[in-house]
Amino acid sequence: MAGPFRWFAERRERGKRRRGNPDGTMSLKEHLYELRYRLGLAMLVIAIGAIFGFIWFQVRLGPIPSLGDILTGPYCQADLAPYRADITKDGRCALLQTEPFEIFLVQLQVGTAAGAVLLSPLWLYQIWAFITPGLYAKERNFARVFVGIGALLFIAGAVLAYLVVPEGLKVLLGFGSGNWTTALTGSKYINFVITMLFIFGVSFLLPLVVVMLNRAGVVSYERLSKWRRGLMMGLFVFAAIATPGTDPISMVVLALALVLLFEMAIQLARIHDRRKAKLRAAEGWDALDDNEAAPFDYTPSNDDGNMPGEKVEPAASEPAKRVNYDDAT
């Protein structure tokens, strides 16, 4: 037990030294200790979430159905009853287990993923707490906004995929319904649903990337407007390749949703570029000739960095500080 107690004691001592340091600088060794501490907390949170998700897979949480019921909901809808094989004695909808411990592995994987998603604000905060001391205030504000919007877009895409899965299954299972009956295995069906949720969620982040590139000055509205037709065609091709079900309904729904989001991103780029152009015109940058010097003050400063004639008050003497040659930042 000496190891964990010593580790927390070292962590507490480093926290005291950092609070006593006004500029927040840390040595390379302290940076590595901080990274280990944050990663350790993040892994602990994910482990707790995995345990919670593993239990939730078969247990209802009051009015909230179990995770297994949520995932099997699209397959067990009444509309798909004519296409499903009746493999239970009581006619209950169920999936097949064709390998030993198959359901255990599925429950472990799904529970871990669900727990990581539900507790993502906690372990993402650990990463944020490690990165944010090196960012400016403006950069931190932009990061908060884009991370929040990205999370909402991912959730919206996952919800849309969950609503589309039953319609896609109806089309896929309807082929050859007169000669075939369907009894899906648990692992393949769960992987299919999770892949759909993930692909839809990640695809909804692509328009946000376009907005970020426009804010950074990499892509302008004029260029996006010229690429509009090609982008829309590329979105349909991307949807056809990305959707795992290969059914037309999932492909069309994903493509139309991406087209709508991309059009919104293009309009946001137009507003941003118009506002940026007005700001440049107000400051007079666009009125300058290419051979004309910029309106900067070229008066040289003295050795102390002060302008000629500027009154400088003597700085207060500071106590001598001990030099730490181990500092890397």
Protein backbone atom coordinates (compact mmCIF):
# COMPACT_ATOMS: atom_id res chain seq x y z
CA MET A 1 0.00 0.00 0.00
CA ALA A 2 3.06 2.27 0.19
CA GLY A 3 3.07 2.77 -3.57
CA PRO A 4 -0.38 4.41 -3.97
CA PHE A 5 0.01 6.53 -0.82
CA ARG A 6 3.44 7.73 -1.95
CA TRP A 7 2.06 8.52 -5.41
CA PHE A 8 -0.78 10.64 -4.00
CA ALA A 9 1.65 12.36 -1.64
CA GLU A 10 3.93 13.26 -4.55
CA ARG A 11 0.91 14.49 -6.50
CA ARG A 12 -0.16 16.72 -3.60
CA GLU A 13 3.35 18.13 -3.23
CA ARG A 14 3.56 18.93 -6.95
CA GLY A 15 0.17 20.66 -6.76
CA LYS A 16 1.47 22.89 -3.94
CA ARG A 17 4.57 23.81 -5.94
CA ARG A 18 2.47 24.62 -8.99
CA ARG A 19 0.10 26.87 -7.03
CA GLY A 20 3.11 28.70 -5.63
CA ASN A 21 4.45 29.30 -9.13
CA PRO A 22 2.74 32.43 -10.53
CA ASP A 23 3.60 31.81 -14.22
CA GLY A 24 2.56 28.15 -14.12
CA THR A 25 5.80 26.80 -15.60
CA MET A 26 6.61 23.13 -15.01
CA SER A 27 9.65 21.01 -15.63
CA LEU A 28 9.60 18.15 -18.12
CA LYS A 29 9.46 15.67 -15.27
CA GLU A 30 6.46 17.44 -13.75
CA HIS A 31 4.73 17.46 -17.15
CA LEU A 32 5.14 13.68 -17.39
CA TYR A 33 3.84 13.22 -13.84
CA GLU A 34 0.84 15.39 -14.67
CA LEU A 35 0.15 13.39 -17.84
CA ARG A 36 0.35 10.11 -15.90
CA TYR A 37 -2.01 11.46 -13.26
CA ARG A 38 -4.61 12.65 -15.81
CA LEU A 39 -4.46 9.43 -17.83
CA GLY A 40 -4.81 7.39 -14.66
CA LEU A 41 -7.96 9.26 -13.65
CA ALA A 42 -9.38 8.96 -17.18
CA MET A 43 -8.80 5.19 -17.23
CA LEU A 44 -10.39 4.87 -13.79
CA VAL A 45 -13.49 6.74 -14.98
CA ILE A 46 -13.74 4.54 -18.09
CA ALA A 47 -13.41 1.39 -15.96
CA ILE A 48 -16.24 2.57 -13.68
CA GLY A 49 -18.35 3.35 -16.74
CA ALA A 50 -17.64 -0.13 -18.17
CA ILE A 51 -18.88 -1.78 -14.97
CA PHE A 52 -22.01 0.36 -15.04
CA GLY A 53 -22.65 -0.41 -18.72
CA PHE A 54 -22.09 -4.14 -18.18
CA ILE A 55 -24.76 -4.19 -15.46
CA TRP A 56 -27.11 -1.91 -17.39
CA PHE A 57 -27.05 -4.28 -20.38
CA GLN A 58 -29.51 -6.62 -18.61
CA VAL A 59 -31.00 -4.47 -15.86
CA ARG A 60 -33.67 -1.80 -16.24
CA LEU A 61 -33.03 1.55 -14.54
CA GLY A 62 -36.54 2.44 -13.45
CA PRO A 63 -38.43 3.75 -16.50
CA ILE A 64 -35.27 3.46 -18.63
CA PRO A 65 -35.11 0.12 -20.47
CA SER A 66 -32.01 -2.02 -20.34
CA LEU A 67 -29.21 -1.43 -22.82
CA GLY A 68 -29.91 -4.81 -24.43
CA ASP A 69 -33.56 -3.90 -24.99
CA ILE A 70 -32.54 -0.56 -26.52
CA LEU A 71 -30.18 -2.21 -29.00
CA THR A 72 -32.56 -5.01 -29.95
CA GLY A 73 -35.51 -2.60 -30.24
CA PRO A 74 -35.15 -1.96 -34.00
CA TYR A 75 -34.90 -5.71 -34.74
CA CYS A 76 -37.83 -6.65 -32.49
CA GLN A 77 -40.33 -4.15 -33.89
CA ALA A 78 -43.69 -5.54 -34.92
CA ASP A 79 -43.14 -4.52 -38.56
CA LEU A 80 -40.26 -7.01 -38.82
CA ALA A 81 -42.19 -9.94 -37.31
CA PRO A 82 -43.01 -11.48 -40.74
CA TYR A 83 -39.29 -11.61 -41.59
CA ARG A 84 -37.99 -13.02 -38.29
CA ALA A 85 -37.67 -16.69 -37.45
CA ASP A 86 -39.62 -17.85 -34.38
CA ILE A 87 -36.81 -19.44 -32.35
CA THR A 88 -38.39 -19.22 -28.87
CA LYS A 89 -41.19 -21.28 -27.40
CA ASP A 90 -43.21 -18.27 -26.30
CA GLY A 91 -42.77 -16.31 -29.55
CA ARG A 92 -40.54 -13.76 -27.90
CA CYS A 93 -38.05 -11.86 -30.10
CA ALA A 94 -34.48 -13.00 -29.43
CA LEU A 95 -31.07 -13.16 -31.05
CA LEU A 96 -28.97 -16.28 -31.57
CA GLN A 97 -25.83 -17.23 -29.67
CA THR A 98 -23.75 -19.54 -31.87
CA GLU A 99 -20.47 -19.53 -29.92
CA PRO A 100 -19.62 -20.04 -26.23
CA PHE A 101 -19.39 -16.79 -24.27
CA GLU A 102 -20.58 -14.84 -27.30
CA ILE A 103 -23.20 -12.91 -25.35
CA PHE A 104 -20.68 -12.27 -22.54
CA LEU A 105 -18.20 -10.68 -24.95
CA VAL A 106 -20.96 -8.66 -26.60
CA GLN A 107 -22.20 -7.45 -23.22
CA LEU A 108 -18.65 -6.51 -22.18
CA GLN A 109 -17.89 -4.60 -25.38
CA VAL A 110 -21.22 -2.79 -25.51
CA GLY A 111 -21.15 -2.01 -21.80
CA THR A 112 -17.65 -0.56 -22.05
CA ALA A 113 -18.59 1.61 -25.03
CA ALA A 114 -21.81 2.81 -23.39
CA GLY A 115 -20.08 3.58 -20.10
CA ALA A 116 -17.30 5.50 -21.88
CA VAL A 117 -19.88 7.58 -23.75
CA LEU A 118 -22.01 8.31 -20.68
CA LEU A 119 -19.03 9.33 -18.55
CA SER A 120 -17.20 11.07 -21.39
CA PRO A 121 -17.50 14.54 -19.74
CA LEU A 122 -15.45 13.24 -16.80
CA TRP A 123 -12.56 11.61 -18.67
CA LEU A 124 -12.53 14.26 -21.39
CA TYR A 125 -12.16 16.84 -18.63
CA GLN A 126 -8.90 15.16 -17.58
CA ILE A 127 -7.52 15.59 -21.08
CA TRP A 128 -8.80 19.16 -21.15
CA ALA A 129 -7.18 19.94 -17.77
CA PHE A 130 -3.81 18.76 -19.12
CA ILE A 131 -4.02 20.74 -22.39
CA THR A 132 -5.73 23.96 -21.31
CA PRO A 133 -2.77 25.54 -19.37
CA GLY A 134 -0.93 25.84 -22.70
CA LEU A 135 -3.81 27.64 -24.49
CA TYR A 136 -4.75 31.29 -24.62
CA ALA A 137 -8.13 32.40 -23.32
CA LYS A 138 -9.48 32.91 -26.85
CA GLU A 139 -8.30 29.44 -27.88
CA ARG A 140 -9.96 27.89 -24.83
CA ASN A 141 -13.27 29.61 -25.68
CA PHE A 142 -13.15 28.36 -29.27
CA ALA A 143 -12.31 24.85 -28.09
CA ARG A 144 -15.25 24.80 -25.66
CA VAL A 145 -17.69 25.95 -28.36
CA PHE A 146 -16.53 23.48 -31.00
CA VAL A 147 -16.35 20.53 -28.58
CA GLY A 148 -19.87 21.26 -27.33
CA ILE A 149 -21.29 21.59 -30.84
CA GLY A 150 -19.42 18.47 -31.94
CA ALA A 151 -20.91 16.45 -29.09
CA LEU A 152 -24.43 17.58 -30.01
CA LEU A 153 -23.87 16.76 -33.69
CA PHE A 154 -22.55 13.29 -32.85
CA ILE A 155 -25.56 12.56 -30.64
CA ALA A 156 -27.94 13.83 -33.34
CA GLY A 157 -26.31 11.54 -35.91
CA ALA A 158 -26.51 8.53 -33.60
CA VAL A 159 -30.19 9.17 -32.86
CA LEU A 160 -30.95 9.48 -36.58
CA ALA A 161 -29.15 6.19 -37.24
CA TYR A 162 -31.17 4.45 -34.52
CA LEU A 163 -34.38 5.63 -36.18
CA VAL A 164 -33.21 4.54 -39.63
CA VAL A 165 -32.05 1.02 -38.65
CA PRO A 166 -35.57 -0.54 -38.58
CA GLU A 167 -36.38 0.78 -42.06
CA GLY A 168 -33.07 -0.44 -43.40
CA LEU A 169 -33.59 -3.87 -41.85
CA LYS A 170 -37.04 -4.06 -43.36
CA VAL A 171 -35.57 -3.59 -46.83
CA LEU A 172 -32.65 -5.97 -46.28
CA LEU A 173 -34.70 -8.74 -44.67
CA GLY A 174 -37.48 -8.40 -47.23
CA PHE A 175 -35.36 -9.81 -50.06
CA GLY A 176 -36.32 -13.42 -50.68
CA SER A 177 -38.82 -13.41 -47.83
CA GLY A 178 -40.85 -16.15 -49.50
CA ASN A 179 -37.98 -18.66 -49.42
CA TRP A 180 -35.87 -17.42 -46.51
CA THR A 181 -36.33 -16.71 -42.83
CA THR A 182 -34.02 -14.58 -40.70
CA ALA A 183 -32.44 -15.37 -37.34
CA LEU A 184 -29.61 -12.92 -36.68
CA THR A 185 -26.76 -13.72 -34.30
CA GLY A 186 -26.20 -11.39 -31.40
CA SER A 187 -22.63 -10.36 -32.22
CA LYS A 188 -23.25 -9.55 -35.90
CA TYR A 189 -26.45 -7.64 -35.23
CA ILE A 190 -24.97 -5.60 -32.37
CA ASN A 191 -21.89 -4.80 -34.46
CA PHE A 192 -24.17 -3.69 -37.30
CA VAL A 193 -26.16 -1.33 -35.06
CA ILE A 194 -23.09 0.13 -33.31
CA THR A 195 -21.36 0.66 -36.67
CA MET A 196 -24.40 2.53 -37.95
CA LEU A 197 -24.50 4.74 -34.85
CA PHE A 198 -20.78 5.48 -35.08
CA ILE A 199 -20.74 6.23 -38.82
CA PHE A 200 -23.75 8.55 -38.63
CA GLY A 201 -22.32 10.33 -35.58
CA VAL A 202 -18.86 10.86 -37.11
CA SER A 203 -20.35 11.89 -40.47
CA PHE A 204 -22.28 14.67 -38.76
CA LEU A 205 -18.94 16.15 -37.63
CA LEU A 206 -17.73 16.75 -41.20
CA PRO A 207 -19.61 20.07 -41.62
CA LEU A 208 -18.11 21.25 -38.34
CA VAL A 209 -14.65 20.62 -39.81
CA VAL A 210 -15.59 22.86 -42.76
CA VAL A 211 -16.58 25.65 -40.36
CA MET A 212 -13.32 25.27 -38.44
CA LEU A 213 -11.27 25.45 -41.66
CA ASN A 214 -13.16 28.58 -42.68
CA ARG A 215 -12.52 30.20 -39.29
CA ALA A 216 -8.83 29.38 -39.66
CA GLY A 217 -8.71 31.00 -43.09
CA VAL A 218 -7.95 27.77 -44.97
CA VAL A 219 -11.21 27.63 -46.97
CA SER A 220 -13.24 30.67 -48.00
CA TYR A 221 -16.93 30.95 -48.83
CA GLU A 222 -16.11 31.80 -52.44
CA ARG A 223 -14.22 28.56 -52.84
CA LEU A 224 -16.90 26.52 -51.09
CA SER A 225 -19.60 28.00 -53.30
CA LYS A 226 -17.62 26.97 -56.38
CA TRP A 227 -17.21 23.45 -54.99
CA ARG A 228 -20.86 23.11 -53.95
CA ARG A 229 -21.98 20.73 -56.71
CA GLY A 230 -18.92 18.53 -56.40
CA LEU A 231 -19.28 18.42 -52.62
CA MET A 232 -22.93 17.38 -52.81
CA MET A 233 -22.08 14.62 -55.28
CA GLY A 234 -19.21 13.51 -53.06
CA LEU A 235 -21.55 13.33 -50.05
CA PHE A 236 -23.84 10.87 -51.83
CA VAL A 237 -20.84 8.75 -52.84
CA PHE A 238 -19.54 8.88 -49.26
CA ALA A 239 -22.93 7.83 -47.87
CA ALA A 240 -23.11 4.91 -50.29
CA ILE A 241 -19.68 3.67 -49.22
CA ALA A 242 -19.92 4.41 -45.49
CA THR A 243 -23.29 2.87 -44.62
CA PRO A 244 -22.71 -0.76 -43.59
CA GLY A 245 -26.21 -1.96 -44.48
CA THR A 246 -25.90 -1.21 -48.22
CA ASP A 247 -29.63 -0.46 -48.21
CA PRO A 248 -30.87 2.57 -50.16
CA ILE A 249 -32.83 4.05 -47.23
CA SER A 250 -29.80 4.45 -44.93
CA MET A 251 -27.71 5.82 -47.78
CA VAL A 252 -30.30 8.41 -48.86
CA VAL A 253 -31.07 9.54 -45.30
CA LEU A 254 -27.38 9.99 -44.43
CA ALA A 255 -26.67 11.80 -47.72
CA LEU A 256 -29.61 14.20 -47.35
CA ALA A 257 -28.71 14.97 -43.74
CA LEU A 258 -25.10 15.70 -44.72
CA VAL A 259 -26.21 17.89 -47.64
CA LEU A 260 -28.36 19.93 -45.26
CA LEU A 261 -25.56 20.28 -42.70
CA PHE A 262 -22.99 21.17 -45.36
CA GLU A 263 -25.28 23.86 -46.74
CA MET A 264 -25.60 25.30 -43.24
CA ALA A 265 -21.79 25.23 -42.90
CA ILE A 266 -21.42 27.07 -46.24
CA GLN A 267 -23.87 29.75 -45.12
CA LEU A 268 -21.98 30.17 -41.84
CA ALA A 269 -18.80 30.59 -43.88
CA ARG A 270 -20.55 33.27 -45.97
CA ILE A 271 -21.58 35.20 -42.83
CA HIS A 272 -18.07 34.91 -41.37
CA ASP A 273 -16.32 36.04 -44.55
CA ARG A 274 -18.72 38.98 -44.99
CA ARG A 275 -18.11 40.09 -41.42
CA LYS A 276 -14.37 39.70 -41.89
CA ALA A 277 -14.45 41.75 -45.11
CA LYS A 278 -16.33 44.59 -43.37
CA LEU A 279 -13.75 44.61 -40.58
CA ARG A 280 -10.87 44.80 -43.06
CA ALA A 281 -12.58 47.62 -44.95
CA ALA A 282 -13.14 49.56 -41.72
CA GLU A 283 -9.45 49.26 -40.84
CA GLY A 284 -8.41 50.30 -44.35
CA TRP A 285 -6.39 47.22 -45.22
CA ASP A 286 -8.11 46.60 -48.57
CA ALA A 287 -7.54 50.22 -49.70
CA LEU A 288 -3.74 49.87 -49.56
CA ASP A 289 -1.80 49.43 -52.77
CA ASP A 290 0.46 46.42 -53.10
CA ASN A 291 3.53 48.71 -53.19
CA GLU A 292 2.33 50.89 -50.34
CA ALA A 293 3.72 50.40 -46.86
CA ALA A 294 1.39 49.21 -44.13
CA PRO A 295 0.33 51.87 -41.56
CA PHE A 296 2.63 50.63 -38.81
CA ASP A 297 4.66 52.76 -36.43
CA TYR A 298 8.26 52.19 -37.47
CA THR A 299 9.84 54.36 -34.75
CA PRO A 300 12.60 52.24 -33.20
CA SER A 301 12.62 51.59 -29.50
CA ASN A 302 15.61 51.74 -27.18
CA ASP A 303 17.43 48.83 -25.65
CA ASP A 304 14.82 48.46 -22.89
CA GLY A 305 11.94 48.20 -25.40
CA ASN A 306 10.61 51.70 -24.61
CA MET A 307 9.72 54.40 -27.14
CA PRO A 308 11.90 57.58 -27.24
CA GLY A 309 10.65 60.20 -24.79
CA GLU A 310 8.56 57.68 -22.84
CA LYS A 311 8.73 58.02 -19.08
CA VAL A 312 9.71 54.82 -17.39
CA GLU A 313 9.15 54.24 -13.71
CA PRO A 314 11.80 52.22 -11.93
CA ALA A 315 10.74 48.67 -11.36
CA ALA A 316 10.44 47.37 -7.84
CA SER A 317 13.29 45.16 -6.77
CA GLU A 318 12.45 41.48 -6.58
CA PRO A 319 14.03 38.96 -4.26
CA ALA A 320 16.53 36.66 -5.86
CA LYS A 321 15.07 33.40 -7.06
CA ARG A 322 16.74 30.04 -7.01
CA VAL A 323 17.49 28.83 -10.52
CA ASN A 324 16.17 25.35 -11.30
CA TYR A 325 18.21 23.90 -14.16
CA ASP A 326 15.73 21.04 -14.50
CA ASP A 327 13.06 23.38 -15.94
CA ALA A 328 12.23 22.57 -19.53
CA THR A 329 9.44 25.15 -20.01
